[in-house]
Amino acid sequence: MEIMTISEVSKQFQISTRMLRYYEKEGLISSIRIEGYAYRVYDDRTLRSLQQILILRKLRIPVKQIAEILEDEEQIRTLEILRKNLEDVNDEIAAFTVIRDMLSILASRLEENIGGKVRLDLLEETAVMDIIHVLKPLKSNLKEEDAMDELMKASSVLEARMDIRIVYLPPVAVASYQYIGENPEDAAGDRIYTFIKESNLPAIKPDFRLFGFNNPSPQEGEKVYGYEFWVTIPETIEVKEPVVKKYFAGGLYAAHCIRFGDFQEWGTFLRQLEENEEYEIKWREPFGMGGCLEEELNIYSLIQTEAKKPDQLDLLVPIQKKNRNV
């Protein structure tokens, strides 16, 4: 029987121990104890399950649905899940196809007139007719208003995939702990959770919030990096080493909620903010992630139930209003 420790699995499958423990918490995998081993290990059956989980995650199947798939002996629910996700992907493909074809025809028009005095005007009649022309292969007998409807639907489908809120975080004192090493989220998280319990923070500040960020961020090819946690505290509370008291200036942030583990959404989130017409990213301290933060949601409940990982996180990016005069 093949067995591997959590560190060995982390290295071989290129997945953090944080994620492995999360999968275990969600019941997707399980570790075992074997006589002669100081740590819990994973057997070959669990390793096979993990490989399937990683493939399903690459296919963008949510963790909750993966749990259903792994328990579905008759595969009926599995088929439903695959069909639903296929439907979602087809919606995205259709939306991107509409936008791709529109961009292609408009770019072609400009290429034909490079060097001339003709400028792109999407409100002129010929431009609208070009849009209708490119969309005709998708739907026959397409009218002018139908063409614009197709564009609006495509835009709505894609925008609906990324819910972004604008929030203000007030200035506040925080208790901070940073750890640098392999899998720093776990070490830093254990220390800050201990501080929360020992300081009786849920009783003296029930509205406390917990933020985290890479500090320093991981570099390609390197396994050692840093992670820092901040928990909001009353101004008067005493903080003892190794935890450090700091002050967070707060400010305006764009927020996007994810299920724990869906960290790949950071990229899409940042790209959408770069294209936002009203706000722009304002990189600032803490510079571990340029001022970006990850907030563990429902933290009060997590502490009460002694849960180790949140179900949801808010990704937070510092922003400011765009200067319209520039």
C-alpha atoms as a PDB file:
ATOM      1  CA  MET A   1       0.000   0.000   0.000  1.00  0.00           C
ATOM      2  CA  GLU A   2       1.379   3.396  -1.003  1.00  0.00           C
ATOM      3  CA  ILE A   3       1.283   6.001   1.762  1.00  0.00           C
ATOM      4  CA  MET A   4       2.378   9.636   1.790  1.00  0.00           C
ATOM      5  CA  THR A   5       2.570  12.364   4.413  1.00  0.00           C
ATOM      6  CA  ILE A   6       0.756  15.662   3.915  1.00  0.00           C
ATOM      7  CA  SER A   7       4.045  17.388   3.048  1.00  0.00           C
ATOM      8  CA  GLU A   8       4.902  14.730   0.464  1.00  0.00           C
ATOM      9  CA  VAL A   9       1.449  15.011  -1.118  1.00  0.00           C
ATOM     10  CA  SER A  10       1.735  18.799  -1.136  1.00  0.00           C
ATOM     11  CA  LYS A  11       5.042  18.651  -3.023  1.00  0.00           C
ATOM     12  CA  GLN A  12       4.102  15.885  -5.475  1.00  0.00           C
ATOM     13  CA  PHE A  13       0.696  17.301  -6.453  1.00  0.00           C
ATOM     14  CA  GLN A  14       1.716  20.978  -6.200  1.00  0.00           C
ATOM     15  CA  ILE A  15      -1.094  21.793  -3.779  1.00  0.00           C
ATOM     16  CA  SER A  16      -0.803  23.607  -0.455  1.00  0.00           C
ATOM     17  CA  THR A  17      -1.349  21.808   2.840  1.00  0.00           C
ATOM     18  CA  ARG A  18      -3.974  24.475   3.476  1.00  0.00           C
ATOM     19  CA  MET A  19      -6.033  23.118   0.578  1.00  0.00           C
ATOM     20  CA  LEU A  20      -5.447  19.494   1.603  1.00  0.00           C
ATOM     21  CA  ARG A  21      -6.773  20.202   5.085  1.00  0.00           C
ATOM     22  CA  TYR A  22      -9.725  22.026   3.562  1.00  0.00           C
ATOM     23  CA  TYR A  23     -10.564  19.036   1.352  1.00  0.00           C
ATOM     24  CA  GLU A  24     -10.353  16.832   4.428  1.00  0.00           C
ATOM     25  CA  LYS A  25     -12.647  19.146   6.391  1.00  0.00           C
ATOM     26  CA  GLU A  26     -15.166  18.987   3.547  1.00  0.00           C
ATOM     27  CA  GLY A  27     -15.046  15.175   3.594  1.00  0.00           C
ATOM     28  CA  LEU A  28     -13.499  14.795   0.147  1.00  0.00           C
ATOM     29  CA  ILE A  29     -10.424  12.960   1.434  1.00  0.00           C
ATOM     30  CA  SER A  30      -9.341  11.450   4.740  1.00  0.00           C
ATOM     31  CA  SER A  31      -6.023  10.765   6.426  1.00  0.00           C
ATOM     32  CA  ILE A  32      -5.137   7.756   8.572  1.00  0.00           C
ATOM     33  CA  ARG A  33      -2.714   6.921  11.362  1.00  0.00           C
ATOM     34  CA  ILE A  34      -0.218   4.071  10.914  1.00  0.00           C
ATOM     35  CA  GLU A  35       1.963   2.666  13.654  1.00  0.00           C
ATOM     36  CA  GLY A  36       5.503   3.921  13.334  1.00  0.00           C
ATOM     37  CA  TYR A  37       4.544   7.213  11.668  1.00  0.00           C
ATOM     38  CA  ALA A  38       4.563  10.440  13.652  1.00  0.00           C
ATOM     39  CA  TYR A  39       2.103  12.119  11.313  1.00  0.00           C
ATOM     40  CA  ARG A  40      -1.180  11.217   9.720  1.00  0.00           C
ATOM     41  CA  VAL A  41      -0.797   9.905   6.171  1.00  0.00           C
ATOM     42  CA  TYR A  42      -2.797   9.360   3.006  1.00  0.00           C
ATOM     43  CA  ASP A  43      -3.183   5.897   1.500  1.00  0.00           C
ATOM     44  CA  ASP A  44      -3.309   5.016  -2.209  1.00  0.00           C
ATOM     45  CA  ARG A  45      -7.117   5.071  -2.296  1.00  0.00           C
ATOM     46  CA  THR A  46      -7.146   8.631  -0.955  1.00  0.00           C
ATOM     47  CA  LEU A  47      -4.400   9.653  -3.358  1.00  0.00           C
ATOM     48  CA  ARG A  48      -6.494   8.368  -6.265  1.00  0.00           C
ATOM     49  CA  SER A  49      -9.480  10.369  -4.986  1.00  0.00           C
ATOM     50  CA  LEU A  50      -7.285  13.440  -4.693  1.00  0.00           C
ATOM     51  CA  GLN A  51      -6.198  13.105  -8.314  1.00  0.00           C
ATOM     52  CA  GLN A  52      -9.846  13.026  -9.384  1.00  0.00           C
ATOM     53  CA  ILE A  53     -10.605  16.059  -7.210  1.00  0.00           C
ATOM     54  CA  LEU A  54      -7.789  18.051  -8.788  1.00  0.00           C
ATOM     55  CA  ILE A  55      -9.022  17.197 -12.288  1.00  0.00           C
ATOM     56  CA  LEU A  56     -12.585  18.199 -11.404  1.00  0.00           C
ATOM     57  CA  ARG A  57     -11.339  21.481  -9.932  1.00  0.00           C
ATOM     58  CA  LYS A  58      -9.463  22.153 -13.185  1.00  0.00           C
ATOM     59  CA  LEU A  59     -12.838  21.669 -14.883  1.00  0.00           C
ATOM     60  CA  ARG A  60     -14.222  24.377 -12.543  1.00  0.00           C
ATOM     61  CA  ILE A  61     -16.508  22.011 -10.648  1.00  0.00           C
ATOM     62  CA  PRO A  62     -17.255  23.544  -7.195  1.00  0.00           C
ATOM     63  CA  VAL A  63     -15.991  21.681  -4.119  1.00  0.00           C
ATOM     64  CA  LYS A  64     -19.519  21.049  -2.802  1.00  0.00           C
ATOM     65  CA  GLN A  65     -20.470  19.382  -6.083  1.00  0.00           C
ATOM     66  CA  ILE A  66     -17.273  17.329  -6.098  1.00  0.00           C
ATOM     67  CA  ALA A  67     -18.285  15.950  -2.698  1.00  0.00           C
ATOM     68  CA  GLU A  68     -21.594  14.846  -4.229  1.00  0.00           C
ATOM     69  CA  ILE A  69     -19.819  13.242  -7.180  1.00  0.00           C
ATOM     70  CA  LEU A  70     -17.496  11.217  -4.963  1.00  0.00           C
ATOM     71  CA  GLU A  71     -20.440   9.872  -2.957  1.00  0.00           C
ATOM     72  CA  ASP A  72     -22.677   9.191  -5.953  1.00  0.00           C
ATOM     73  CA  GLU A  73     -22.459   5.439  -6.540  1.00  0.00           C
ATOM     74  CA  GLU A  74     -25.220   5.347  -9.153  1.00  0.00           C
ATOM     75  CA  GLN A  75     -23.771   8.386 -10.987  1.00  0.00           C
ATOM     76  CA  ILE A  76     -27.211   9.943 -11.502  1.00  0.00           C
ATOM     77  CA  ARG A  77     -26.390  13.094  -9.552  1.00  0.00           C
ATOM     78  CA  THR A  78     -22.950  13.174 -11.204  1.00  0.00           C
ATOM     79  CA  LEU A  79     -24.575  13.343 -14.629  1.00  0.00           C
ATOM     80  CA  GLU A  80     -26.819  16.200 -13.477  1.00  0.00           C
ATOM     81  CA  ILE A  81     -23.825  18.129 -12.159  1.00  0.00           C
ATOM     82  CA  LEU A  82     -21.783  17.627 -15.335  1.00  0.00           C
ATOM     83  CA  ARG A  83     -24.700  18.689 -17.542  1.00  0.00           C
ATOM     84  CA  LYS A  84     -25.337  21.816 -15.456  1.00  0.00           C
ATOM     85  CA  ASN A  85     -21.683  22.839 -15.592  1.00  0.00           C
ATOM     86  CA  LEU A  86     -21.607  22.103 -19.318  1.00  0.00           C
ATOM     87  CA  GLU A  87     -24.625  24.380 -19.733  1.00  0.00           C
ATOM     88  CA  ASP A  88     -22.836  27.175 -17.844  1.00  0.00           C
ATOM     89  CA  VAL A  89     -19.720  26.792 -19.983  1.00  0.00           C
ATOM     90  CA  ASN A  90     -21.818  26.831 -23.175  1.00  0.00           C
ATOM     91  CA  ASP A  91     -23.421  30.091 -22.009  1.00  0.00           C
ATOM     92  CA  GLU A  92     -19.971  31.609 -21.584  1.00  0.00           C
ATOM     93  CA  ILE A  93     -18.801  30.292 -24.963  1.00  0.00           C
ATOM     94  CA  ALA A  94     -21.870  31.747 -26.683  1.00  0.00           C
ATOM     95  CA  ALA A  95     -21.317  35.085 -24.976  1.00  0.00           C
ATOM     96  CA  PHE A  96     -17.641  35.203 -25.913  1.00  0.00           C
ATOM     97  CA  THR A  97     -18.502  34.155 -29.488  1.00  0.00           C
ATOM     98  CA  VAL A  98     -20.832  37.121 -29.902  1.00  0.00           C
ATOM     99  CA  ILE A  99     -18.247  39.539 -28.562  1.00  0.00           C
ATOM    100  CA  ARG A 100     -15.404  37.938 -30.552  1.00  0.00           C
ATOM    101  CA  ASP A 101     -17.322  38.173 -33.827  1.00  0.00           C
ATOM    102  CA  MET A 102     -18.280  41.799 -33.196  1.00  0.00           C
ATOM    103  CA  LEU A 103     -14.679  42.750 -32.414  1.00  0.00           C
ATOM    104  CA  SER A 104     -13.474  40.898 -35.508  1.00  0.00           C
ATOM    105  CA  ILE A 105     -15.795  42.687 -37.946  1.00  0.00           C
ATOM    106  CA  LEU A 106     -15.135  46.103 -36.433  1.00  0.00           C
ATOM    107  CA  ALA A 107     -11.358  45.532 -36.494  1.00  0.00           C
ATOM    108  CA  SER A 108     -11.642  44.496 -40.161  1.00  0.00           C
ATOM    109  CA  ARG A 109     -13.441  47.735 -40.980  1.00  0.00           C
ATOM    110  CA  LEU A 110     -10.663  49.768 -39.426  1.00  0.00           C
ATOM    111  CA  GLU A 111      -7.933  47.772 -41.186  1.00  0.00           C
ATOM    112  CA  GLU A 112      -9.570  48.577 -44.531  1.00  0.00           C
ATOM    113  CA  ASN A 113      -9.436  52.284 -43.758  1.00  0.00           C
ATOM    114  CA  ILE A 114      -6.054  52.622 -42.029  1.00  0.00           C
ATOM    115  CA  GLY A 115      -4.440  55.851 -43.251  1.00  0.00           C
ATOM    116  CA  GLY A 116      -7.753  57.336 -44.291  1.00  0.00           C
ATOM    117  CA  LYS A 117      -9.982  59.810 -42.492  1.00  0.00           C
ATOM    118  CA  VAL A 118     -12.676  57.308 -41.565  1.00  0.00           C
ATOM    119  CA  ARG A 119     -13.121  56.916 -37.793  1.00  0.00           C
ATOM    120  CA  LEU A 120     -14.987  54.161 -35.983  1.00  0.00           C
ATOM    121  CA  ASP A 121     -18.438  55.363 -34.967  1.00  0.00           C
ATOM    122  CA  LEU A 122     -20.593  52.645 -33.453  1.00  0.00           C
ATOM    123  CA  LEU A 123     -23.655  54.869 -33.637  1.00  0.00           C
ATOM    124  CA  GLU A 124     -23.582  55.369 -37.388  1.00  0.00           C
ATOM    125  CA  GLU A 125     -25.892  53.252 -39.498  1.00  0.00           C
ATOM    126  CA  THR A 126     -23.171  51.278 -41.308  1.00  0.00           C
ATOM    127  CA  ALA A 127     -21.603  50.174 -38.041  1.00  0.00           C
ATOM    128  CA  VAL A 128     -24.931  48.880 -36.744  1.00  0.00           C
ATOM    129  CA  MET A 129     -25.516  47.046 -40.023  1.00  0.00           C
ATOM    130  CA  ASP A 130     -22.080  45.419 -39.715  1.00  0.00           C
ATOM    131  CA  ILE A 131     -23.026  44.153 -36.255  1.00  0.00           C
ATOM    132  CA  ILE A 132     -26.269  42.735 -37.611  1.00  0.00           C
ATOM    133  CA  HIS A 133     -24.349  41.131 -40.485  1.00  0.00           C
ATOM    134  CA  VAL A 134     -21.884  39.341 -38.214  1.00  0.00           C
ATOM    135  CA  LEU A 135     -24.644  38.054 -35.966  1.00  0.00           C
ATOM    136  CA  LYS A 136     -26.820  36.658 -38.753  1.00  0.00           C
ATOM    137  CA  PRO A 137     -25.049  33.276 -38.777  1.00  0.00           C
ATOM    138  CA  LEU A 138     -26.090  32.872 -35.146  1.00  0.00           C
ATOM    139  CA  LYS A 139     -29.759  33.698 -35.683  1.00  0.00           C
ATOM    140  CA  SER A 140     -31.600  34.141 -38.943  1.00  0.00           C
ATOM    141  CA  ASN A 141     -33.789  37.184 -39.735  1.00  0.00           C
ATOM    142  CA  LEU A 142     -31.986  39.277 -37.109  1.00  0.00           C
ATOM    143  CA  LYS A 143     -33.265  42.844 -36.813  1.00  0.00           C
ATOM    144  CA  GLU A 144     -31.281  45.874 -35.637  1.00  0.00           C
ATOM    145  CA  GLU A 145     -32.742  45.853 -32.126  1.00  0.00           C
ATOM    146  CA  ASP A 146     -32.143  42.089 -31.924  1.00  0.00           C
ATOM    147  CA  ALA A 147     -28.447  42.614 -32.640  1.00  0.00           C
ATOM    148  CA  MET A 148     -28.064  44.960 -29.694  1.00  0.00           C
ATOM    149  CA  ASP A 149     -30.070  42.562 -27.529  1.00  0.00           C
ATOM    150  CA  GLU A 150     -27.559  39.821 -28.370  1.00  0.00           C
ATOM    151  CA  LEU A 151     -24.703  42.064 -27.289  1.00  0.00           C
ATOM    152  CA  MET A 152     -26.431  43.002 -24.027  1.00  0.00           C
ATOM    153  CA  LYS A 153     -27.189  39.358 -23.252  1.00  0.00           C
ATOM    154  CA  ALA A 154     -23.587  38.359 -23.929  1.00  0.00           C
ATOM    155  CA  SER A 155     -22.313  41.113 -21.664  1.00  0.00           C
ATOM    156  CA  SER A 156     -24.751  40.163 -18.903  1.00  0.00           C
ATOM    157  CA  VAL A 157     -23.739  36.500 -19.002  1.00  0.00           C
ATOM    158  CA  LEU A 158     -20.062  37.358 -18.543  1.00  0.00           C
ATOM    159  CA  GLU A 159     -20.579  40.086 -15.939  1.00  0.00           C
ATOM    160  CA  ALA A 160     -22.811  37.803 -13.885  1.00  0.00           C
ATOM    161  CA  ARG A 161     -19.851  35.465 -13.362  1.00  0.00           C
ATOM    162  CA  MET A 162     -18.056  38.045 -11.215  1.00  0.00           C
ATOM    163  CA  ASP A 163     -20.038  39.865  -8.529  1.00  0.00           C
ATOM    164  CA  ILE A 164     -18.063  42.921  -7.370  1.00  0.00           C
ATOM    165  CA  ARG A 165     -19.044  45.151  -4.439  1.00  0.00           C
ATOM    166  CA  ILE A 166     -17.580  48.489  -3.362  1.00  0.00           C
ATOM    167  CA  VAL A 167     -16.956  48.626   0.400  1.00  0.00           C
ATOM    168  CA  TYR A 168     -15.272  50.939   2.885  1.00  0.00           C
ATOM    169  CA  LEU A 169     -13.060  49.476   5.598  1.00  0.00           C
ATOM    170  CA  PRO A 170     -12.703  51.846   8.586  1.00  0.00           C
ATOM    171  CA  PRO A 171      -9.351  52.524  10.314  1.00  0.00           C
ATOM    172  CA  VAL A 172      -8.810  50.066  13.154  1.00  0.00           C
ATOM    173  CA  ALA A 173      -6.219  48.549  15.479  1.00  0.00           C
ATOM    174  CA  VAL A 174      -5.203  44.989  14.604  1.00  0.00           C
ATOM    175  CA  ALA A 175      -3.259  42.163  16.188  1.00  0.00           C
ATOM    176  CA  SER A 176      -0.836  40.831  13.577  1.00  0.00           C
ATOM    177  CA  TYR A 177       1.160  37.638  13.166  1.00  0.00           C
ATOM    178  CA  GLN A 178       3.433  36.843  10.225  1.00  0.00           C
ATOM    179  CA  TYR A 179       5.071  33.520   9.427  1.00  0.00           C
ATOM    180  CA  ILE A 180       7.625  32.807   6.700  1.00  0.00           C
ATOM    181  CA  GLY A 181       8.255  29.215   5.647  1.00  0.00           C
ATOM    182  CA  GLU A 182       6.507  26.366   3.834  1.00  0.00           C
ATOM    183  CA  ASN A 183       2.703  26.518   4.047  1.00  0.00           C
ATOM    184  CA  PRO A 184       2.734  29.738   6.115  1.00  0.00           C
ATOM    185  CA  GLU A 185      -1.083  30.120   6.096  1.00  0.00           C
ATOM    186  CA  ASP A 186      -1.432  27.204   8.506  1.00  0.00           C
ATOM    187  CA  ALA A 187       1.249  28.362  10.943  1.00  0.00           C
ATOM    188  CA  ALA A 188       0.074  31.978  10.930  1.00  0.00           C
ATOM    189  CA  GLY A 189      -3.567  30.899  11.172  1.00  0.00           C
ATOM    190  CA  ASP A 190      -2.959  28.620  14.164  1.00  0.00           C
ATOM    191  CA  ARG A 191      -1.143  31.402  16.032  1.00  0.00           C
ATOM    192  CA  ILE A 192      -3.795  34.068  15.369  1.00  0.00           C
ATOM    193  CA  TYR A 193      -6.655  31.675  16.222  1.00  0.00           C
ATOM    194  CA  THR A 194      -4.908  30.959  19.522  1.00  0.00           C
ATOM    195  CA  PHE A 195      -4.654  34.695  20.195  1.00  0.00           C
ATOM    196  CA  ILE A 196      -8.367  35.163  19.472  1.00  0.00           C
ATOM    197  CA  LYS A 197      -9.301  32.481  22.006  1.00  0.00           C
ATOM    198  CA  GLU A 198      -6.772  33.418  24.694  1.00  0.00           C
ATOM    199  CA  SER A 199      -7.711  37.111  24.544  1.00  0.00           C
ATOM    200  CA  ASN A 200     -11.435  36.236  24.689  1.00  0.00           C
ATOM    201  CA  LEU A 201     -11.890  38.466  21.653  1.00  0.00           C
ATOM    202  CA  PRO A 202     -15.385  37.169  20.734  1.00  0.00           C
ATOM    203  CA  ALA A 203     -16.652  38.442  24.099  1.00  0.00           C
ATOM    204  CA  ILE A 204     -14.907  41.823  24.176  1.00  0.00           C
ATOM    205  CA  LYS A 205     -15.275  42.586  20.458  1.00  0.00           C
ATOM    206  CA  PRO A 206     -17.978  40.411  18.859  1.00  0.00           C
ATOM    207  CA  ASP A 207     -17.669  42.290  15.556  1.00  0.00           C
ATOM    208  CA  PHE A 208     -13.983  41.408  15.105  1.00  0.00           C
ATOM    209  CA  ARG A 209     -12.805  40.689  11.567  1.00  0.00           C
ATOM    210  CA  LEU A 210      -9.955  38.542  10.277  1.00  0.00           C
ATOM    211  CA  PHE A 211      -7.832  39.496   7.273  1.00  0.00           C
ATOM    212  CA  GLY A 212      -4.856  37.740   5.696  1.00  0.00           C
ATOM    213  CA  PHE A 213      -2.380  38.359   2.878  1.00  0.00           C
ATOM    214  CA  ASN A 214       0.845  36.986   1.404  1.00  0.00           C
ATOM    215  CA  ASN A 215       3.867  38.714   2.930  1.00  0.00           C
ATOM    216  CA  PRO A 216       6.163  38.230   1.118  1.00  0.00           C
ATOM    217  CA  SER A 217       4.307  36.733  -1.844  1.00  0.00           C
ATOM    218  CA  PRO A 218       5.467  33.361  -3.245  1.00  0.00           C
ATOM    219  CA  GLN A 219       7.926  33.475  -6.122  1.00  0.00           C
ATOM    220  CA  GLU A 220       7.846  31.011  -9.016  1.00  0.00           C
ATOM    221  CA  GLY A 221       9.806  27.877  -8.198  1.00  0.00           C
ATOM    222  CA  GLU A 222      10.132  28.698  -4.503  1.00  0.00           C
ATOM    223  CA  LYS A 223       8.148  26.938  -1.773  1.00  0.00           C
ATOM    224  CA  VAL A 224       9.040  29.322   1.033  1.00  0.00           C
ATOM    225  CA  TYR A 225       6.993  32.515   1.303  1.00  0.00           C
ATOM    226  CA  GLY A 226       5.164  34.443   3.987  1.00  0.00           C
ATOM    227  CA  TYR A 227       1.609  34.946   5.175  1.00  0.00           C
ATOM    228  CA  GLU A 228       0.332  37.512   7.659  1.00  0.00           C
ATOM    229  CA  PHE A 229      -2.972  37.579   9.541  1.00  0.00           C
ATOM    230  CA  TRP A 230      -4.658  40.641  11.032  1.00  0.00           C
ATOM    231  CA  VAL A 231      -7.528  40.431  13.493  1.00  0.00           C
ATOM    232  CA  THR A 232      -9.278  43.658  14.498  1.00  0.00           C
ATOM    233  CA  ILE A 233      -9.035  44.458  18.225  1.00  0.00           C
ATOM    234  CA  PRO A 234     -10.114  47.195  20.686  1.00  0.00           C
ATOM    235  CA  GLU A 235      -7.626  50.083  20.963  1.00  0.00           C
ATOM    236  CA  THR A 236      -7.008  49.337  24.650  1.00  0.00           C
ATOM    237  CA  ILE A 237      -6.222  45.629  24.435  1.00  0.00           C
ATOM    238  CA  GLU A 238      -2.713  44.461  25.295  1.00  0.00           C
ATOM    239  CA  VAL A 239      -0.883  42.349  22.728  1.00  0.00           C
ATOM    240  CA  LYS A 240       2.082  40.179  23.637  1.00  0.00           C
ATOM    241  CA  GLU A 241       4.772  38.773  21.367  1.00  0.00           C
ATOM    242  CA  PRO A 242       4.939  36.977  19.024  1.00  0.00           C
ATOM    243  CA  VAL A 243       1.694  38.756  18.085  1.00  0.00           C
ATOM    244  CA  VAL A 244       2.226  42.445  17.256  1.00  0.00           C
ATOM    245  CA  LYS A 245      -0.164  45.393  17.519  1.00  0.00           C
ATOM    246  CA  LYS A 246      -0.539  47.473  14.345  1.00  0.00           C
ATOM    247  CA  TYR A 247      -2.913  50.076  12.909  1.00  0.00           C
ATOM    248  CA  PHE A 248      -4.788  49.561   9.656  1.00  0.00           C
ATOM    249  CA  ALA A 249      -5.582  52.800   7.802  1.00  0.00           C
ATOM    250  CA  GLY A 250      -8.617  51.299   6.056  1.00  0.00           C
ATOM    251  CA  GLY A 251     -10.001  52.820   2.876  1.00  0.00           C
ATOM    252  CA  LEU A 252     -12.053  52.045  -0.198  1.00  0.00           C
ATOM    253  CA  TYR A 253     -11.981  48.473  -1.527  1.00  0.00           C
ATOM    254  CA  ALA A 254     -13.533  46.362  -4.254  1.00  0.00           C
ATOM    255  CA  ALA A 255     -14.787  43.077  -2.804  1.00  0.00           C
ATOM    256  CA  HIS A 256     -15.566  39.739  -4.442  1.00  0.00           C
ATOM    257  CA  CYS A 257     -16.791  36.719  -2.476  1.00  0.00           C
ATOM    258  CA  ILE A 258     -15.399  33.259  -3.290  1.00  0.00           C
ATOM    259  CA  ARG A 259     -15.770  29.785  -1.910  1.00  0.00           C
ATOM    260  CA  PHE A 260     -12.675  28.806   0.008  1.00  0.00           C
ATOM    261  CA  GLY A 261     -10.245  27.294  -2.463  1.00  0.00           C
ATOM    262  CA  ASP A 262     -11.334  29.269  -5.539  1.00  0.00           C
ATOM    263  CA  PHE A 263      -8.237  31.474  -5.405  1.00  0.00           C
ATOM    264  CA  GLN A 264      -7.909  31.307  -9.188  1.00  0.00           C
ATOM    265  CA  GLU A 265     -10.613  34.009  -9.236  1.00  0.00           C
ATOM    266  CA  TRP A 266      -8.028  36.567  -8.126  1.00  0.00           C
ATOM    267  CA  GLY A 267      -6.855  36.885 -11.741  1.00  0.00           C
ATOM    268  CA  THR A 268     -10.317  37.480 -13.222  1.00  0.00           C
ATOM    269  CA  PHE A 269     -11.172  39.873 -10.390  1.00  0.00           C
ATOM    270  CA  LEU A 270      -8.102  42.039 -11.007  1.00  0.00           C
ATOM    271  CA  ARG A 271      -8.629  42.031 -14.785  1.00  0.00           C
ATOM    272  CA  GLN A 272     -12.222  43.236 -14.390  1.00  0.00           C
ATOM    273  CA  LEU A 273     -11.116  46.011 -12.053  1.00  0.00           C
ATOM    274  CA  GLU A 274      -8.527  47.141 -14.599  1.00  0.00           C
ATOM    275  CA  GLU A 275     -11.382  47.558 -17.084  1.00  0.00           C
ATOM    276  CA  ASN A 276     -13.738  49.322 -14.619  1.00  0.00           C
ATOM    277  CA  GLU A 277     -14.910  52.725 -15.872  1.00  0.00           C
ATOM    278  CA  GLU A 278     -15.495  54.306 -12.447  1.00  0.00           C
ATOM    279  CA  TYR A 279     -12.744  52.929 -10.204  1.00  0.00           C
ATOM    280  CA  GLU A 280      -9.055  52.080 -10.530  1.00  0.00           C
ATOM    281  CA  ILE A 281      -6.739  49.941  -8.415  1.00  0.00           C
ATOM    282  CA  LYS A 282      -4.679  51.923  -5.915  1.00  0.00           C
ATOM    283  CA  TRP A 283      -1.782  49.768  -4.731  1.00  0.00           C
ATOM    284  CA  ARG A 284      -0.879  50.591  -1.135  1.00  0.00           C
ATOM    285  CA  GLU A 285       0.321  49.137   2.161  1.00  0.00           C
ATOM    286  CA  PRO A 286       0.515  46.395   3.242  1.00  0.00           C
ATOM    287  CA  PHE A 287       2.700  45.698   0.209  1.00  0.00           C
ATOM    288  CA  GLY A 288       2.781  41.912   0.541  1.00  0.00           C
ATOM    289  CA  MET A 289      -0.017  41.794  -2.050  1.00  0.00           C
ATOM    290  CA  GLY A 290      -0.054  45.481  -2.955  1.00  0.00           C
ATOM    291  CA  GLY A 291      -2.684  46.199  -0.332  1.00  0.00           C
ATOM    292  CA  CYS A 292      -4.962  43.312  -1.373  1.00  0.00           C
ATOM    293  CA  LEU A 293      -6.512  41.323   1.460  1.00  0.00           C
ATOM    294  CA  GLU A 294      -8.378  38.049   2.014  1.00  0.00           C
ATOM    295  CA  GLU A 295     -11.091  38.284   4.671  1.00  0.00           C
ATOM    296  CA  GLU A 296     -12.407  35.128   6.324  1.00  0.00           C
ATOM    297  CA  LEU A 297     -16.193  35.490   6.507  1.00  0.00           C
ATOM    298  CA  ASN A 298     -18.384  34.374   9.407  1.00  0.00           C
ATOM    299  CA  ILE A 299     -15.299  34.314  11.613  1.00  0.00           C
ATOM    300  CA  TYR A 300     -17.298  34.659  14.855  1.00  0.00           C
ATOM    301  CA  SER A 301     -19.183  31.459  14.038  1.00  0.00           C
ATOM    302  CA  LEU A 302     -15.964  29.666  13.021  1.00  0.00           C
ATOM    303  CA  ILE A 303     -14.354  30.421  16.374  1.00  0.00           C
ATOM    304  CA  GLN A 304     -17.419  29.264  18.285  1.00  0.00           C
ATOM    305  CA  THR A 305     -17.574  25.951  16.414  1.00  0.00           C
ATOM    306  CA  GLU A 306     -13.756  25.557  16.371  1.00  0.00           C
ATOM    307  CA  ALA A 307     -13.816  25.159  12.610  1.00  0.00           C
ATOM    308  CA  LYS A 308     -10.378  25.509  11.038  1.00  0.00           C
ATOM    309  CA  LYS A 309     -11.299  26.925   7.658  1.00  0.00           C
ATOM    310  CA  PRO A 310     -14.008  29.317   6.407  1.00  0.00           C
ATOM    311  CA  ASP A 311     -16.489  28.311   3.742  1.00  0.00           C
ATOM    312  CA  GLN A 312     -16.210  31.732   2.122  1.00  0.00           C
ATOM    313  CA  LEU A 313     -13.660  34.508   1.710  1.00  0.00           C
ATOM    314  CA  ASP A 314     -13.905  38.074   0.507  1.00  0.00           C
ATOM    315  CA  LEU A 315     -11.124  39.056  -1.879  1.00  0.00           C
ATOM    316  CA  LEU A 316     -10.412  42.753  -1.274  1.00  0.00           C
ATOM    317  CA  VAL A 317      -8.557  45.091  -3.651  1.00  0.00           C
ATOM    318  CA  PRO A 318      -7.742  48.725  -2.726  1.00  0.00           C
ATOM    319  CA  ILE A 319      -9.314  51.182  -5.157  1.00  0.00           C
ATOM    320  CA  GLN A 320      -9.990  54.850  -5.742  1.00  0.00           C
ATOM    321  CA  LYS A 321     -12.325  56.881  -7.940  1.00  0.00           C
ATOM    322  CA  LYS A 322     -10.916  57.623 -11.366  1.00  0.00           C
ATOM    323  CA  ASN A 323      -9.890  61.195 -12.059  1.00  0.00           C
ATOM    324  CA  ARG A 324     -12.192  62.248 -14.893  1.00  0.00           C
ATOM    325  CA  ASN A 325     -10.043  65.310 -15.651  1.00  0.00           C
ATOM    326  CA  VAL A 326      -6.993  63.268 -16.635  1.00  0.00           C
END
